[in-house]
Amino acid sequence: MEREIAAAVERVWEVITDLDYAAEVIPAILTIERLEGEGYEPGVRWRETRKMWGREETEEMWVESAEAPTETVIRAESRGTQYVTTYSLEALEHGTRLVCDFSAETPHPGPAQRLGWLLFGRAGMKATRKALEQDLAHIAGAAEHVDEETHGPDGEHA
């Protein structure tokens, strides 16, 4: 998924890496509980609870890498499935292109997992895509809102 955002790369980076503010930016995130580390750097771990598909899901996540302000990789592992989310930021003439690459891999799926993928795989992919689109829209809204407050809608200092 990708989205163009009318805000500077540094501002978008601030929004996506401010774990303590994430639940205010993305309504699907109900709570974030820091487990290890301060700020946002490799090794920082947290427990994130989201509302997904009508129910609450909690996952432990961690920053695998952070190359400010251009790329970060976040990992999680749950019930034998490994999740990787990569955010890449590219400066544009009037803002930022934010690309979110999400993958899930189960190295040793059991029979129930295989059956679940067969029955619900397409629907799960569609729901995940929609959730990522909503996350990017909320990130854009937060980044653009502050940018407009500081610089005005036409980019001039207010």
C-alpha atoms as a PDB file:
ATOM      1  CA  MET A   1       0.000   0.000   0.000  1.00  0.00           C
ATOM      2  CA  GLU A   2       1.162   3.524  -0.615  1.00  0.00           C
ATOM      3  CA  ARG A   3      -0.102   7.035  -0.086  1.00  0.00           C
ATOM      4  CA  GLU A   4       1.095  10.520  -0.915  1.00  0.00           C
ATOM      5  CA  ILE A   5       1.008  12.806   2.102  1.00  0.00           C
ATOM      6  CA  ALA A   6       1.116  16.611   1.992  1.00  0.00           C
ATOM      7  CA  ALA A   7       3.712  16.870   4.768  1.00  0.00           C
ATOM      8  CA  ALA A   8       7.498  16.743   5.008  1.00  0.00           C
ATOM      9  CA  VAL A   9       9.234  13.365   5.336  1.00  0.00           C
ATOM     10  CA  GLU A  10      10.472  14.301   8.803  1.00  0.00           C
ATOM     11  CA  ARG A  11       6.913  15.025   9.975  1.00  0.00           C
ATOM     12  CA  VAL A  12       5.559  11.726   8.583  1.00  0.00           C
ATOM     13  CA  TRP A  13       8.480   9.910  10.259  1.00  0.00           C
ATOM     14  CA  GLU A  14       7.560  11.564  13.588  1.00  0.00           C
ATOM     15  CA  VAL A  15       3.967  10.344  13.261  1.00  0.00           C
ATOM     16  CA  ILE A  16       4.798   6.720  12.409  1.00  0.00           C
ATOM     17  CA  THR A  17       7.527   6.387  15.043  1.00  0.00           C
ATOM     18  CA  ASP A  18       5.773   8.059  17.998  1.00  0.00           C
ATOM     19  CA  LEU A  19       4.569   4.903  19.752  1.00  0.00           C
ATOM     20  CA  ASP A  20       3.175   6.824  22.709  1.00  0.00           C
ATOM     21  CA  TYR A  21       0.837   8.779  20.360  1.00  0.00           C
ATOM     22  CA  ALA A  22      -0.101   5.886  18.032  1.00  0.00           C
ATOM     23  CA  ALA A  23      -3.462   5.113  19.663  1.00  0.00           C
ATOM     24  CA  GLU A  24      -4.506   8.745  19.116  1.00  0.00           C
ATOM     25  CA  VAL A  25      -3.502   8.638  15.441  1.00  0.00           C
ATOM     26  CA  ILE A  26      -4.932   5.233  14.486  1.00  0.00           C
ATOM     27  CA  PRO A  27      -8.396   4.550  15.950  1.00  0.00           C
ATOM     28  CA  ALA A  28      -8.025   0.762  15.482  1.00  0.00           C
ATOM     29  CA  ILE A  29      -5.203   0.795  18.060  1.00  0.00           C
ATOM     30  CA  LEU A  30      -6.821   0.593  21.482  1.00  0.00           C
ATOM     31  CA  THR A  31      -3.687   0.536  23.654  1.00  0.00           C
ATOM     32  CA  ILE A  32       0.096   0.434  23.451  1.00  0.00           C
ATOM     33  CA  GLU A  33       2.116  -0.858  26.383  1.00  0.00           C
ATOM     34  CA  ARG A  34       5.868  -0.336  26.212  1.00  0.00           C
ATOM     35  CA  LEU A  35       7.817  -3.431  27.226  1.00  0.00           C
ATOM     36  CA  GLU A  36      11.440  -2.463  26.479  1.00  0.00           C
ATOM     37  CA  GLY A  37      13.256   0.681  25.447  1.00  0.00           C
ATOM     38  CA  GLU A  38      12.548   4.367  25.104  1.00  0.00           C
ATOM     39  CA  GLY A  39      11.823   6.421  22.026  1.00  0.00           C
ATOM     40  CA  TYR A  40      11.984   4.559  18.731  1.00  0.00           C
ATOM     41  CA  GLU A  41      15.044   2.501  17.846  1.00  0.00           C
ATOM     42  CA  PRO A  42      15.958  -1.132  17.131  1.00  0.00           C
ATOM     43  CA  GLY A  43      15.100  -3.316  20.096  1.00  0.00           C
ATOM     44  CA  VAL A  44      12.166  -1.230  21.343  1.00  0.00           C
ATOM     45  CA  ARG A  45       9.300  -3.632  22.175  1.00  0.00           C
ATOM     46  CA  TRP A  46       5.650  -3.023  22.903  1.00  0.00           C
ATOM     47  CA  ARG A  47       2.334  -4.811  23.247  1.00  0.00           C
ATOM     48  CA  GLU A  48      -0.312  -3.424  20.892  1.00  0.00           C
ATOM     49  CA  THR A  49      -4.033  -4.106  21.208  1.00  0.00           C
ATOM     50  CA  ARG A  50      -6.142  -3.437  18.124  1.00  0.00           C
ATOM     51  CA  LYS A  51      -9.745  -3.852  17.191  1.00  0.00           C
ATOM     52  CA  MET A  52      -9.646  -6.158  14.166  1.00  0.00           C
ATOM     53  CA  TRP A  53     -12.568  -7.870  12.482  1.00  0.00           C
ATOM     54  CA  GLY A  54     -14.868  -6.956  15.336  1.00  0.00           C
ATOM     55  CA  ARG A  55     -12.672  -8.246  18.160  1.00  0.00           C
ATOM     56  CA  GLU A  56      -9.615  -7.241  20.126  1.00  0.00           C
ATOM     57  CA  GLU A  57      -6.246  -8.735  19.193  1.00  0.00           C
ATOM     58  CA  THR A  58      -3.044  -8.160  21.170  1.00  0.00           C
ATOM     59  CA  GLU A  59       0.403  -8.723  19.665  1.00  0.00           C
ATOM     60  CA  GLU A  60       3.910  -8.140  20.949  1.00  0.00           C
ATOM     61  CA  MET A  61       5.870  -6.093  18.424  1.00  0.00           C
ATOM     62  CA  TRP A  62       9.398  -4.736  18.117  1.00  0.00           C
ATOM     63  CA  VAL A  63      11.478  -2.388  15.989  1.00  0.00           C
ATOM     64  CA  GLU A  64      13.896  -4.440  13.937  1.00  0.00           C
ATOM     65  CA  SER A  65      15.480  -1.485  12.146  1.00  0.00           C
ATOM     66  CA  ALA A  66      15.042   2.282  11.901  1.00  0.00           C
ATOM     67  CA  GLU A  67      16.814   4.446   9.334  1.00  0.00           C
ATOM     68  CA  ALA A  68      15.418   7.915  10.094  1.00  0.00           C
ATOM     69  CA  PRO A  69      13.627   9.359   8.221  1.00  0.00           C
ATOM     70  CA  THR A  70      13.431   6.901   5.328  1.00  0.00           C
ATOM     71  CA  GLU A  71      12.648   3.360   6.508  1.00  0.00           C
ATOM     72  CA  THR A  72      11.652   1.262   9.485  1.00  0.00           C
ATOM     73  CA  VAL A  73      10.929  -2.441   9.879  1.00  0.00           C
ATOM     74  CA  ILE A  74       8.590  -3.701  12.602  1.00  0.00           C
ATOM     75  CA  ARG A  75       8.204  -7.391  13.471  1.00  0.00           C
ATOM     76  CA  ALA A  76       5.725  -9.465  15.424  1.00  0.00           C
ATOM     77  CA  GLU A  77       5.225 -13.177  15.957  1.00  0.00           C
ATOM     78  CA  SER A  78       2.005 -14.848  17.035  1.00  0.00           C
ATOM     79  CA  ARG A  79       0.786 -18.451  17.020  1.00  0.00           C
ATOM     80  CA  GLY A  80       3.574 -19.567  14.693  1.00  0.00           C
ATOM     81  CA  THR A  81       3.122 -16.729  12.192  1.00  0.00           C
ATOM     82  CA  GLN A  82       5.802 -14.093  11.648  1.00  0.00           C
ATOM     83  CA  TYR A  83       4.637 -10.608  10.652  1.00  0.00           C
ATOM     84  CA  VAL A  84       6.835  -7.964   9.048  1.00  0.00           C
ATOM     85  CA  THR A  85       5.751  -4.378   8.379  1.00  0.00           C
ATOM     86  CA  THR A  86       8.096  -2.067   6.481  1.00  0.00           C
ATOM     87  CA  TYR A  87       7.412   1.647   6.153  1.00  0.00           C
ATOM     88  CA  SER A  88       9.414   3.442   3.451  1.00  0.00           C
ATOM     89  CA  LEU A  89       9.298   7.208   3.089  1.00  0.00           C
ATOM     90  CA  GLU A  90      10.317   9.152  -0.013  1.00  0.00           C
ATOM     91  CA  ALA A  91      10.481  12.936  -0.242  1.00  0.00           C
ATOM     92  CA  LEU A  92       8.359  14.419  -3.005  1.00  0.00           C
ATOM     93  CA  GLU A  93       8.259  17.990  -4.259  1.00  0.00           C
ATOM     94  CA  HIS A  94       5.206  18.788  -2.108  1.00  0.00           C
ATOM     95  CA  GLY A  95       5.228  16.087   0.531  1.00  0.00           C
ATOM     96  CA  THR A  96       6.018  12.426   1.107  1.00  0.00           C
ATOM     97  CA  ARG A  97       5.269   9.076  -0.464  1.00  0.00           C
ATOM     98  CA  LEU A  98       4.661   6.574   2.325  1.00  0.00           C
ATOM     99  CA  VAL A  99       4.804   2.915   1.318  1.00  0.00           C
ATOM    100  CA  CYS A 100       3.685   0.177   3.705  1.00  0.00           C
ATOM    101  CA  ASP A 101       4.737  -3.384   2.898  1.00  0.00           C
ATOM    102  CA  PHE A 102       3.117  -5.996   5.143  1.00  0.00           C
ATOM    103  CA  SER A 103       3.770  -9.723   5.058  1.00  0.00           C
ATOM    104  CA  ALA A 104       2.819 -12.722   7.144  1.00  0.00           C
ATOM    105  CA  GLU A 105       4.559 -16.077   6.941  1.00  0.00           C
ATOM    106  CA  THR A 106       3.947 -19.299   8.817  1.00  0.00           C
ATOM    107  CA  PRO A 107       7.036 -21.503   8.348  1.00  0.00           C
ATOM    108  CA  HIS A 108       5.391 -24.656   9.729  1.00  0.00           C
ATOM    109  CA  PRO A 109       1.611 -24.403   9.336  1.00  0.00           C
ATOM    110  CA  GLY A 110      -0.565 -27.012  10.962  1.00  0.00           C
ATOM    111  CA  PRO A 111      -3.565 -28.623   9.255  1.00  0.00           C
ATOM    112  CA  ALA A 112      -6.004 -26.144  10.849  1.00  0.00           C
ATOM    113  CA  GLN A 113      -3.969 -23.167   9.588  1.00  0.00           C
ATOM    114  CA  ARG A 114      -3.841 -24.585   6.068  1.00  0.00           C
ATOM    115  CA  LEU A 115      -7.596 -25.121   6.083  1.00  0.00           C
ATOM    116  CA  GLY A 116      -8.149 -21.596   7.409  1.00  0.00           C
ATOM    117  CA  TRP A 117      -6.076 -20.103   4.575  1.00  0.00           C
ATOM    118  CA  LEU A 118      -7.991 -22.134   2.033  1.00  0.00           C
ATOM    119  CA  LEU A 119     -11.350 -21.013   3.399  1.00  0.00           C
ATOM    120  CA  PHE A 120     -10.597 -17.437   4.474  1.00  0.00           C
ATOM    121  CA  GLY A 121      -7.372 -16.434   2.706  1.00  0.00           C
ATOM    122  CA  ARG A 122      -8.901 -14.058   0.153  1.00  0.00           C
ATOM    123  CA  ALA A 123     -11.208 -12.434   2.694  1.00  0.00           C
ATOM    124  CA  GLY A 124      -8.313 -12.040   5.138  1.00  0.00           C
ATOM    125  CA  MET A 125      -6.141 -10.400   2.490  1.00  0.00           C
ATOM    126  CA  LYS A 126      -8.961  -8.016   1.545  1.00  0.00           C
ATOM    127  CA  ALA A 127      -9.592  -7.092   5.201  1.00  0.00           C
ATOM    128  CA  THR A 128      -5.861  -6.573   5.828  1.00  0.00           C
ATOM    129  CA  ARG A 129      -5.579  -4.348   2.763  1.00  0.00           C
ATOM    130  CA  LYS A 130      -8.529  -2.255   3.946  1.00  0.00           C
ATOM    131  CA  ALA A 131      -7.020  -1.950   7.455  1.00  0.00           C
ATOM    132  CA  LEU A 132      -3.664  -0.824   5.996  1.00  0.00           C
ATOM    133  CA  GLU A 133      -5.424   1.764   3.793  1.00  0.00           C
ATOM    134  CA  GLN A 134      -7.194   3.133   6.868  1.00  0.00           C
ATOM    135  CA  ASP A 135      -3.940   3.241   8.863  1.00  0.00           C
ATOM    136  CA  LEU A 136      -2.215   5.199   6.078  1.00  0.00           C
ATOM    137  CA  ALA A 137      -5.171   7.606   5.856  1.00  0.00           C
ATOM    138  CA  HIS A 138      -4.980   8.266   9.602  1.00  0.00           C
ATOM    139  CA  ILE A 139      -1.194   8.733   9.461  1.00  0.00           C
ATOM    140  CA  ALA A 140      -1.663  11.199   6.582  1.00  0.00           C
ATOM    141  CA  GLY A 141      -4.356  13.068   8.493  1.00  0.00           C
ATOM    142  CA  ALA A 142      -2.149  13.441  11.568  1.00  0.00           C
ATOM    143  CA  ALA A 143       0.915  14.536   9.577  1.00  0.00           C
ATOM    144  CA  GLU A 144      -1.001  16.956   7.336  1.00  0.00           C
ATOM    145  CA  HIS A 145      -3.002  18.442  10.214  1.00  0.00           C
ATOM    146  CA  VAL A 146       0.097  19.489  12.140  1.00  0.00           C
ATOM    147  CA  ASP A 147       1.820  20.633   8.949  1.00  0.00           C
ATOM    148  CA  GLU A 148      -1.141  22.904   8.110  1.00  0.00           C
ATOM    149  CA  GLU A 149      -1.220  24.290  11.663  1.00  0.00           C
ATOM    150  CA  THR A 150       2.473  25.201  11.482  1.00  0.00           C
ATOM    151  CA  HIS A 151       2.752  26.251   7.862  1.00  0.00           C
ATOM    152  CA  GLY A 152      -0.801  27.037   6.755  1.00  0.00           C
ATOM    153  CA  PRO A 153      -2.644  25.193   3.982  1.00  0.00           C
ATOM    154  CA  ASP A 154      -0.528  26.808   1.257  1.00  0.00           C
ATOM    155  CA  GLY A 155       2.815  25.954   2.886  1.00  0.00           C
ATOM    156  CA  GLU A 156       3.478  29.489   4.187  1.00  0.00           C
ATOM    157  CA  HIS A 157       4.416  29.932   7.848  1.00  0.00           C
ATOM    158  CA  ALA A 158       1.317  30.775   9.827  1.00  0.00           C
END
